[in-house]
PDB file of N, CA and C in Angstrom:
ATOM      1  N   MET A   1       0.690  -1.185  -0.131  1.00  0.00           N
ATOM      2  CA  MET A   1      -0.023  -0.044   0.067  1.00  0.00           C
ATOM      3  C   MET A   1       0.887   1.409  -0.005  1.00  0.00           C
ATOM      4  N   VAL A   2       0.545   2.271  -0.872  1.00  0.00           N
ATOM      5  CA  VAL A   2       1.470   3.341  -1.149  1.00  0.00           C
ATOM      6  C   VAL A   2       0.568   4.717  -0.239  1.00  0.00           C
ATOM      7  N   ASP A   3       1.358   5.216   0.624  1.00  0.00           N
ATOM      8  CA  ASP A   3       0.835   6.054   1.285  1.00  0.00           C
ATOM      9  C   ASP A   3       1.086   7.621   0.669  1.00  0.00           C
ATOM     10  N   CYS A   4       0.262   7.908  -0.499  1.00  0.00           N
ATOM     11  CA  CYS A   4       0.232   8.897  -1.186  1.00  0.00           C
ATOM     12  C   CYS A   4      -0.883   9.150  -1.940  1.00  0.00           C
ATOM     13  N   PRO A   5      -1.784  10.144  -1.255  1.00  0.00           N
ATOM     14  CA  PRO A   5      -3.095  10.159  -2.026  1.00  0.00           C
ATOM     15  C   PRO A   5      -3.068  10.780  -3.299  1.00  0.00           C
ATOM     16  N   HIS A   6      -1.968  11.520  -3.656  1.00  0.00           N
ATOM     17  CA  HIS A   6      -1.795  11.895  -5.080  1.00  0.00           C
ATOM     18  C   HIS A   6      -1.784  11.097  -6.327  1.00  0.00           C
ATOM     19  N   VAL A   7      -1.633   9.977  -6.090  1.00  0.00           N
ATOM     20  CA  VAL A   7      -1.643   8.998  -6.887  1.00  0.00           C
ATOM     21  C   VAL A   7      -3.084   8.488  -7.634  1.00  0.00           C
ATOM     22  N   GLU A   8      -4.026   8.977  -6.703  1.00  0.00           N
ATOM     23  CA  GLU A   8      -5.423   8.870  -7.210  1.00  0.00           C
ATOM     24  C   GLU A   8      -5.812   9.869  -8.002  1.00  0.00           C
ATOM     25  N   THR A   9      -5.019  11.132  -8.046  1.00  0.00           N
ATOM     26  CA  THR A   9      -5.432  12.103  -9.064  1.00  0.00           C
ATOM     27  C   THR A   9      -5.113  12.029 -10.165  1.00  0.00           C
ATOM     28  N   LEU A  10      -3.919  11.103 -10.775  1.00  0.00           N
ATOM     29  CA  LEU A  10      -3.289  10.910 -11.858  1.00  0.00           C
ATOM     30  C   LEU A  10      -3.970  10.458 -13.036  1.00  0.00           C
ATOM     31  N   LYS A  11      -3.635  10.788 -14.029  1.00  0.00           N
ATOM     32  CA  LYS A  11      -4.429  10.350 -15.281  1.00  0.00           C
ATOM     33  C   LYS A  11      -3.036  10.215 -16.518  1.00  0.00           C
ATOM     34  N   PRO A  12      -3.489   9.418 -17.251  1.00  0.00           N
ATOM     35  CA  PRO A  12      -2.332   9.221 -18.196  1.00  0.00           C
ATOM     36  C   PRO A  12      -1.992  10.663 -18.875  1.00  0.00           C
ATOM     37  N   VAL A  13      -0.849  10.884 -19.148  1.00  0.00           N
ATOM     38  CA  VAL A  13      -0.361  12.115 -19.858  1.00  0.00           C
ATOM     39  C   VAL A  13       0.643  11.930 -21.172  1.00  0.00           C
ATOM     40  N   HIS A  14       0.738  13.011 -22.024  1.00  0.00           N
ATOM     41  CA  HIS A  14       1.661  12.947 -23.171  1.00  0.00           C
ATOM     42  C   HIS A  14       2.923  13.634 -22.742  1.00  0.00           C
ATOM     43  N   PRO A  15       4.103  13.193 -22.822  1.00  0.00           N
ATOM     44  CA  PRO A  15       5.245  13.971 -22.714  1.00  0.00           C
ATOM     45  C   PRO A  15       5.317  15.216 -23.482  1.00  0.00           C
ATOM     46  N   SER A  16       5.656  16.338 -23.060  1.00  0.00           N
ATOM     47  CA  SER A  16       5.818  17.490 -23.656  1.00  0.00           C
ATOM     48  C   SER A  16       6.994  17.526 -24.943  1.00  0.00           C
ATOM     49  N   THR A  17       7.895  16.476 -24.828  1.00  0.00           N
ATOM     50  CA  THR A  17       8.843  16.095 -25.796  1.00  0.00           C
ATOM     51  C   THR A  17       9.403  14.869 -25.676  1.00  0.00           C
ATOM     52  N   THR A  18      10.088  14.209 -26.498  1.00  0.00           N
ATOM     53  CA  THR A  18      10.599  12.988 -26.714  1.00  0.00           C
ATOM     54  C   THR A  18      12.273  13.304 -26.940  1.00  0.00           C
ATOM     55  N   LYS A  19      12.527  14.503 -26.748  1.00  0.00           N
ATOM     56  CA  LYS A  19      13.769  14.697 -27.489  1.00  0.00           C
ATOM     57  C   LYS A  19      14.743  15.111 -26.288  1.00  0.00           C
ATOM     58  N   GLY A  20      14.399  15.257 -25.033  1.00  0.00           N
ATOM     59  CA  GLY A  20      15.053  15.563 -23.755  1.00  0.00           C
ATOM     60  C   GLY A  20      14.329  16.518 -22.939  1.00  0.00           C
ATOM     61  N   CYS A  21      14.992  17.369 -21.901  1.00  0.00           N
ATOM     62  CA  CYS A  21      14.433  18.262 -21.033  1.00  0.00           C
ATOM     63  C   CYS A  21      13.925  19.345 -21.816  1.00  0.00           C
ATOM     64  N   GLU A  22      12.511  19.483 -21.568  1.00  0.00           N
ATOM     65  CA  GLU A  22      11.980  20.792 -22.325  1.00  0.00           C
ATOM     66  C   GLU A  22      12.796  21.998 -22.071  1.00  0.00           C
ATOM     67  N   ASP A  23      13.014  22.234 -20.659  1.00  0.00           N
ATOM     68  CA  ASP A  23      13.672  23.660 -20.576  1.00  0.00           C
ATOM     69  C   ASP A  23      15.231  23.660 -20.924  1.00  0.00           C
ATOM     70  N   CYS A  24      15.696  22.540 -20.879  1.00  0.00           N
ATOM     71  CA  CYS A  24      17.234  22.502 -21.196  1.00  0.00           C
ATOM     72  C   CYS A  24      17.588  22.650 -22.734  1.00  0.00           C
ATOM     73  N   LEU A  25      16.518  22.216 -23.502  1.00  0.00           N
ATOM     74  CA  LEU A  25      16.497  22.387 -25.246  1.00  0.00           C
ATOM     75  C   LEU A  25      16.202  23.536 -25.237  1.00  0.00           C
ATOM     76  N   LYS A  26      15.481  24.374 -24.675  1.00  0.00           N
ATOM     77  CA  LYS A  26      15.300  25.777 -24.956  1.00  0.00           C
ATOM     78  C   LYS A  26      16.420  26.677 -24.554  1.00  0.00           C
ATOM     79  N   MET A  27      17.203  26.330 -23.563  1.00  0.00           N
ATOM     80  CA  MET A  27      18.220  27.317 -23.070  1.00  0.00           C
ATOM     81  C   MET A  27      19.702  26.636 -23.643  1.00  0.00           C
ATOM     82  N   GLY A  28      19.541  25.809 -24.255  1.00  0.00           N
ATOM     83  CA  GLY A  28      20.946  25.014 -24.842  1.00  0.00           C
ATOM     84  C   GLY A  28      21.653  24.313 -23.572  1.00  0.00           C
ATOM     85  N   GLY A  29      20.817  24.015 -22.679  1.00  0.00           N
ATOM     86  CA  GLY A  29      21.588  23.126 -21.383  1.00  0.00           C
ATOM     87  C   GLY A  29      21.824  21.557 -21.493  1.00  0.00           C
ATOM     88  N   ARG A  30      22.301  21.205 -20.729  1.00  0.00           N
ATOM     89  CA  ARG A  30      22.401  19.534 -20.703  1.00  0.00           C
ATOM     90  C   ARG A  30      21.449  19.036 -19.544  1.00  0.00           C
ATOM     91  N   TRP A  31      21.519  17.636 -19.562  1.00  0.00           N
ATOM     92  CA  TRP A  31      20.846  16.981 -18.502  1.00  0.00           C
ATOM     93  C   TRP A  31      21.326  15.795 -18.318  1.00  0.00           C
ATOM     94  N   VAL A  32      21.169  15.071 -17.406  1.00  0.00           N
ATOM     95  CA  VAL A  32      21.594  13.512 -16.897  1.00  0.00           C
ATOM     96  C   VAL A  32      20.460  12.627 -16.952  1.00  0.00           C
ATOM     97  N   HIS A  33      19.422  12.632 -16.528  1.00  0.00           N
ATOM     98  CA  HIS A  33      18.342  11.794 -16.563  1.00  0.00           C
ATOM     99  C   HIS A  33      16.833  12.825 -16.713  1.00  0.00           C
ATOM    100  N   LEU A  34      15.933  12.204 -17.183  1.00  0.00           N
ATOM    101  CA  LEU A  34      14.571  12.711 -17.337  1.00  0.00           C
ATOM    102  C   LEU A  34      13.720  12.379 -16.619  1.00  0.00           C
ATOM    103  N   ARG A  35      12.670  13.248 -16.146  1.00  0.00           N
ATOM    104  CA  ARG A  35      11.430  12.956 -15.316  1.00  0.00           C
ATOM    105  C   ARG A  35      10.196  13.604 -16.008  1.00  0.00           C
ATOM    106  N   LEU A  36       9.010  12.796 -15.954  1.00  0.00           N
ATOM    107  CA  LEU A  36       8.053  13.035 -16.555  1.00  0.00           C
ATOM    108  C   LEU A  36       6.895  13.568 -15.407  1.00  0.00           C
ATOM    109  N   CYS A  37       6.490  14.795 -15.538  1.00  0.00           N
ATOM    110  CA  CYS A  37       5.594  15.006 -14.749  1.00  0.00           C
ATOM    111  C   CYS A  37       4.187  14.639 -14.946  1.00  0.00           C
ATOM    112  N   ARG A  38       3.592  13.844 -13.933  1.00  0.00           N
ATOM    113  CA  ARG A  38       2.230  12.972 -14.172  1.00  0.00           C
ATOM    114  C   ARG A  38       1.059  13.930 -14.003  1.00  0.00           C
ATOM    115  N   SER A  39       1.121  15.098 -14.070  1.00  0.00           N
ATOM    116  CA  SER A  39       0.009  16.126 -13.908  1.00  0.00           C
ATOM    117  C   SER A  39      -0.168  16.568 -15.109  1.00  0.00           C
ATOM    118  N   CYS A  40       0.696  17.122 -15.808  1.00  0.00           N
ATOM    119  CA  CYS A  40       0.916  17.743 -17.099  1.00  0.00           C
ATOM    120  C   CYS A  40       1.677  17.275 -18.262  1.00  0.00           C
ATOM    121  N   GLY A  41       2.716  16.305 -18.178  1.00  0.00           N
ATOM    122  CA  GLY A  41       3.397  16.146 -19.016  1.00  0.00           C
ATOM    123  C   GLY A  41       4.588  16.704 -19.342  1.00  0.00           C
ATOM    124  N   HIS A  42       4.999  17.907 -18.416  1.00  0.00           N
ATOM    125  CA  HIS A  42       6.270  18.381 -18.581  1.00  0.00           C
ATOM    126  C   HIS A  42       7.314  17.440 -18.439  1.00  0.00           C
ATOM    127  N   VAL A  43       8.495  17.448 -19.244  1.00  0.00           N
ATOM    128  CA  VAL A  43       9.628  16.854 -19.434  1.00  0.00           C
ATOM    129  C   VAL A  43      10.601  17.479 -18.680  1.00  0.00           C
ATOM    130  N   GLY A  44      11.083  17.121 -17.451  1.00  0.00           N
ATOM    131  CA  GLY A  44      12.291  17.930 -16.798  1.00  0.00           C
ATOM    132  C   GLY A  44      13.399  17.116 -16.597  1.00  0.00           C
ATOM    133  N   CYS A  45      14.818  17.786 -16.137  1.00  0.00           N
ATOM    134  CA  CYS A  45      15.835  17.278 -15.807  1.00  0.00           C
ATOM    135  C   CYS A  45      15.793  17.108 -14.419  1.00  0.00           C
ATOM    136  N   CYS A  46      16.388  15.680 -14.066  1.00  0.00           N
ATOM    137  CA  CYS A  46      16.554  15.278 -12.644  1.00  0.00           C
ATOM    138  C   CYS A  46      17.334  16.082 -11.885  1.00  0.00           C
ATOM    139  N   ASP A  47      17.537  15.864 -10.404  1.00  0.00           N
ATOM    140  CA  ASP A  47      18.491  16.472  -9.433  1.00  0.00           C
ATOM    141  C   ASP A  47      19.626  16.511  -9.776  1.00  0.00           C
ATOM    142  N   SER A  48      20.480  15.508 -10.408  1.00  0.00           N
ATOM    143  CA  SER A  48      21.859  15.180 -10.815  1.00  0.00           C
ATOM    144  C   SER A  48      22.288  16.195 -11.899  1.00  0.00           C
ATOM    145  N   SER A  49      21.244  16.783 -12.642  1.00  0.00           N
ATOM    146  CA  SER A  49      21.454  17.723 -13.731  1.00  0.00           C
ATOM    147  C   SER A  49      21.888  19.172 -13.247  1.00  0.00           C
ATOM    148  N   PRO A  50      22.549  19.751 -14.055  1.00  0.00           N
ATOM    149  CA  PRO A  50      22.765  20.983 -13.476  1.00  0.00           C
ATOM    150  C   PRO A  50      21.708  22.070 -13.072  1.00  0.00           C
ATOM    151  N   ASN A  51      20.669  22.129 -13.869  1.00  0.00           N
ATOM    152  CA  ASN A  51      19.410  23.050 -13.942  1.00  0.00           C
ATOM    153  C   ASN A  51      18.373  22.526 -12.970  1.00  0.00           C
ATOM    154  N   ARG A  52      18.293  21.084 -12.930  1.00  0.00           N
ATOM    155  CA  ARG A  52      17.300  20.387 -12.037  1.00  0.00           C
ATOM    156  C   ARG A  52      15.706  21.204 -12.439  1.00  0.00           C
ATOM    157  N   HIS A  53      15.318  21.080 -13.644  1.00  0.00           N
ATOM    158  CA  HIS A  53      14.199  21.316 -13.998  1.00  0.00           C
ATOM    159  C   HIS A  53      12.905  20.602 -13.537  1.00  0.00           C
ATOM    160  N   ALA A  54      13.050  19.600 -13.257  1.00  0.00           N
ATOM    161  CA  ALA A  54      11.750  18.849 -12.724  1.00  0.00           C
ATOM    162  C   ALA A  54      11.430  19.165 -11.396  1.00  0.00           C
ATOM    163  N   THR A  55      12.235  19.192 -10.618  1.00  0.00           N
ATOM    164  CA  THR A  55      12.054  19.789  -9.074  1.00  0.00           C
ATOM    165  C   THR A  55      11.693  21.557  -9.452  1.00  0.00           C
ATOM    166  N   LYS A  56      12.362  22.202 -10.216  1.00  0.00           N
ATOM    167  CA  LYS A  56      11.939  23.555 -10.264  1.00  0.00           C
ATOM    168  C   LYS A  56      10.536  23.771 -11.064  1.00  0.00           C
ATOM    169  N   HIS A  57      10.281  22.720 -11.794  1.00  0.00           N
ATOM    170  CA  HIS A  57       8.680  22.822 -12.379  1.00  0.00           C
ATOM    171  C   HIS A  57       7.738  22.131 -11.045  1.00  0.00           C
ATOM    172  N   PHE A  58       8.415  21.381 -10.164  1.00  0.00           N
ATOM    173  CA  PHE A  58       7.293  21.159  -9.078  1.00  0.00           C
ATOM    174  C   PHE A  58       7.221  22.574  -8.169  1.00  0.00           C
ATOM    175  N   HIS A  59       8.298  23.004  -7.852  1.00  0.00           N
ATOM    176  CA  HIS A  59       8.213  24.378  -7.234  1.00  0.00           C
ATOM    177  C   HIS A  59       7.216  25.351  -7.769  1.00  0.00           C
ATOM    178  N   GLU A  60       7.077  25.645  -9.169  1.00  0.00           N
ATOM    179  CA  GLU A  60       6.320  26.486  -9.950  1.00  0.00           C
ATOM    180  C   GLU A  60       4.965  26.038  -9.774  1.00  0.00           C
ATOM    181  N   THR A  61       4.553  24.986 -10.004  1.00  0.00           N
ATOM    182  CA  THR A  61       3.317  24.287 -10.160  1.00  0.00           C
ATOM    183  C   THR A  61       2.486  23.745  -9.418  1.00  0.00           C
ATOM    184  N   LYS A  62       3.193  23.026  -8.435  1.00  0.00           N
ATOM    185  CA  LYS A  62       2.909  22.228  -7.284  1.00  0.00           C
ATOM    186  C   LYS A  62       2.580  20.728  -7.709  1.00  0.00           C
ATOM    187  N   HIS A  63       3.034  20.428  -8.788  1.00  0.00           N
ATOM    188  CA  HIS A  63       2.368  19.137  -9.270  1.00  0.00           C
ATOM    189  C   HIS A  63       3.144  18.165  -8.593  1.00  0.00           C
ATOM    190  N   PRO A  64       2.557  17.130  -7.814  1.00  0.00           N
ATOM    191  CA  PRO A  64       3.142  16.365  -6.989  1.00  0.00           C
ATOM    192  C   PRO A  64       4.228  15.168  -7.448  1.00  0.00           C
ATOM    193  N   ILE A  65       3.784  14.653  -8.473  1.00  0.00           N
ATOM    194  CA  ILE A  65       4.502  13.300  -8.885  1.00  0.00           C
ATOM    195  C   ILE A  65       5.160  13.287 -10.265  1.00  0.00           C
ATOM    196  N   VAL A  66       6.428  12.813 -10.344  1.00  0.00           N
ATOM    197  CA  VAL A  66       7.065  12.799 -11.273  1.00  0.00           C
ATOM    198  C   VAL A  66       7.452  11.281 -11.459  1.00  0.00           C
ATOM    199  N   GLN A  67       7.560  10.895 -12.818  1.00  0.00           N
ATOM    200  CA  GLN A  67       8.234   9.416 -13.311  1.00  0.00           C
ATOM    201  C   GLN A  67       9.525   9.459 -13.915  1.00  0.00           C
ATOM    202  N   SER A  68      10.201   8.317 -13.785  1.00  0.00           N
ATOM    203  CA  SER A  68      11.386   8.364 -14.496  1.00  0.00           C
ATOM    204  C   SER A  68      11.158   7.978 -16.043  1.00  0.00           C
ATOM    205  N   MET A  69      11.940   8.867 -16.839  1.00  0.00           N
ATOM    206  CA  MET A  69      11.568   8.227 -18.168  1.00  0.00           C
ATOM    207  C   MET A  69      12.593   7.759 -18.894  1.00  0.00           C
ATOM    208  N   GLU A  70      13.702   7.063 -18.141  1.00  0.00           N
ATOM    209  CA  GLU A  70      14.640   6.581 -18.377  1.00  0.00           C
ATOM    210  C   GLU A  70      14.439   4.853 -18.791  1.00  0.00           C
ATOM    211  N   PRO A  71      15.024   4.634 -20.060  1.00  0.00           N
ATOM    212  CA  PRO A  71      14.631   3.241 -20.608  1.00  0.00           C
ATOM    213  C   PRO A  71      15.005   2.099 -19.450  1.00  0.00           C
ATOM    214  N   GLY A  72      13.929   1.200 -19.039  1.00  0.00           N
ATOM    215  CA  GLY A  72      14.083   0.314 -18.317  1.00  0.00           C
ATOM    216  C   GLY A  72      13.786   0.608 -16.774  1.00  0.00           C
ATOM    217  N   GLU A  73      13.577   1.988 -16.573  1.00  0.00           N
ATOM    218  CA  GLU A  73      13.226   2.300 -15.109  1.00  0.00           C
ATOM    219  C   GLU A  73      11.444   2.545 -15.062  1.00  0.00           C
ATOM    220  N   ASP A  74      11.084   1.976 -13.909  1.00  0.00           N
ATOM    221  CA  ASP A  74       9.645   2.240 -13.842  1.00  0.00           C
ATOM    222  C   ASP A  74       9.238   2.636 -12.389  1.00  0.00           C
ATOM    223  N   TRP A  75       9.659   3.844 -12.040  1.00  0.00           N
ATOM    224  CA  TRP A  75       9.405   4.165 -10.825  1.00  0.00           C
ATOM    225  C   TRP A  75       8.980   5.633 -10.828  1.00  0.00           C
ATOM    226  N   GLY A  76       8.318   6.061  -9.635  1.00  0.00           N
ATOM    227  CA  GLY A  76       7.896   7.720  -9.668  1.00  0.00           C
ATOM    228  C   GLY A  76       8.261   8.007  -8.185  1.00  0.00           C
ATOM    229  N   TRP A  77       8.117   9.439  -7.963  1.00  0.00           N
ATOM    230  CA  TRP A  77       8.445   9.905  -6.741  1.00  0.00           C
ATOM    231  C   TRP A  77       7.634  11.185  -6.358  1.00  0.00           C
ATOM    232  N   CYS A  78       6.846  11.286  -5.316  1.00  0.00           N
ATOM    233  CA  CYS A  78       5.941  12.350  -4.768  1.00  0.00           C
ATOM    234  C   CYS A  78       6.681  13.297  -4.162  1.00  0.00           C
ATOM    235  N   TYR A  79       6.916  14.329  -4.698  1.00  0.00           N
ATOM    236  CA  TYR A  79       7.519  15.501  -3.775  1.00  0.00           C
ATOM    237  C   TYR A  79       6.968  16.086  -2.456  1.00  0.00           C
ATOM    238  N   VAL A  80       5.518  16.007  -2.467  1.00  0.00           N
ATOM    239  CA  VAL A  80       4.752  16.437  -1.473  1.00  0.00           C
ATOM    240  C   VAL A  80       4.837  15.577  -0.440  1.00  0.00           C
ATOM    241  N   ASP A  81       4.724  14.224  -0.614  1.00  0.00           N
ATOM    242  CA  ASP A  81       4.955  12.998   0.367  1.00  0.00           C
ATOM    243  C   ASP A  81       6.155  12.476   0.597  1.00  0.00           C
ATOM    244  N   GLU A  82       6.976  12.795  -0.318  1.00  0.00           N
ATOM    245  CA  GLU A  82       8.671  12.191  -0.166  1.00  0.00           C
ATOM    246  C   GLU A  82       8.659  10.954   0.008  1.00  0.00           C
ATOM    247  N   VAL A  83       7.852  10.289  -0.866  1.00  0.00           N
ATOM    248  CA  VAL A  83       7.982   8.614  -1.112  1.00  0.00           C
ATOM    249  C   VAL A  83       8.264   8.105  -2.540  1.00  0.00           C
ATOM    250  N   ASP A  84       8.919   6.958  -2.599  1.00  0.00           N
ATOM    251  CA  ASP A  84       8.899   6.321  -3.823  1.00  0.00           C
ATOM    252  C   ASP A  84       7.841   5.609  -4.207  1.00  0.00           C
ATOM    253  N   LEU A  85       7.627   5.705  -5.725  1.00  0.00           N
ATOM    254  CA  LEU A  85       6.121   4.890  -6.026  1.00  0.00           C
ATOM    255  C   LEU A  85       6.978   4.144  -6.975  1.00  0.00           C
ATOM    256  N   GLU A  86       6.147   2.617  -6.985  1.00  0.00           N
ATOM    257  CA  GLU A  86       6.493   1.750  -7.851  1.00  0.00           C
ATOM    258  C   GLU A  86       5.861   1.966  -9.136  1.00  0.00           C
ATOM    259  N   GLY A  87       6.231   1.531 -10.242  1.00  0.00           N
ATOM    260  CA  GLY A  87       5.729   1.888 -11.596  1.00  0.00           C
ATOM    261  C   GLY A  87       4.024   1.323 -11.670  1.00  0.00           C
ATOM    262  N   ASP A  88       3.814   0.070 -10.914  1.00  0.00           N
ATOM    263  CA  ASP A  88       2.567  -0.549 -11.008  1.00  0.00           C
ATOM    264  C   ASP A  88       1.529   0.382 -10.280  1.00  0.00           C
ATOM    265  N   VAL A  89       1.855   1.423  -9.443  1.00  0.00           N
ATOM    266  CA  VAL A  89       0.683   2.142  -8.913  1.00  0.00           C
ATOM    267  C   VAL A  89       0.324   3.264  -9.688  1.00  0.00           C
ATOM    268  N   LEU A  90       1.290   3.715 -10.467  1.00  0.00           N
ATOM    269  CA  LEU A  90       1.122   4.934 -11.785  1.00  0.00           C
ATOM    270  C   LEU A  90       0.032   4.563 -12.858  1.00  0.00           C
ATOM    271  N   PRO A  91      -0.644   5.430 -13.216  1.00  0.00           N
ATOM    272  CA  PRO A  91      -1.230   4.975 -14.727  1.00  0.00           C
ATOM    273  C   PRO A  91      -0.128   5.141 -15.772  1.00  0.00           C
ATOM    274  N   PRO A  92      -0.592   4.492 -16.702  1.00  0.00           N
ATOM    275  CA  PRO A  92       0.594   4.482 -18.089  1.00  0.00           C
ATOM    276  C   PRO A  92       0.629   5.535 -18.917  1.00  0.00           C
ATOM    277  N   ARG A  93       1.645   5.771 -19.295  1.00  0.00           N
ATOM    278  CA  ARG A  93       2.066   7.153 -20.067  1.00  0.00           C
ATOM    279  C   ARG A  93       1.441   6.752 -21.300  1.00  0.00           C
ATOM    280  N   ILE A  94       1.313   7.730 -21.788  1.00  0.00           N
ATOM    281  CA  ILE A  94       0.741   7.741 -23.376  1.00  0.00           C
ATOM    282  C   ILE A  94       1.879   8.153 -24.361  1.00  0.00           C
TER     283      ILE A  94
END
């Protein structure tokens, strides 16, 4: 059982881009890993990346859950509840 009520509010989303971090692409930045906002589809870079756009997106929007977009990874993170989420509790990506 996951202790995160935000999972129940999620719907499938389309990634804003499949080419990399949306914000890094606009500014010519670089990223390490990609995260998908499960509220709106924003693709941002992880906290190991120089600009940490996924976390910045959370602070700007309060969208609670991101999911890894890395091949072979199936997990998420709730910024609000600070819990890891297994992929099977998240709705599918589109």
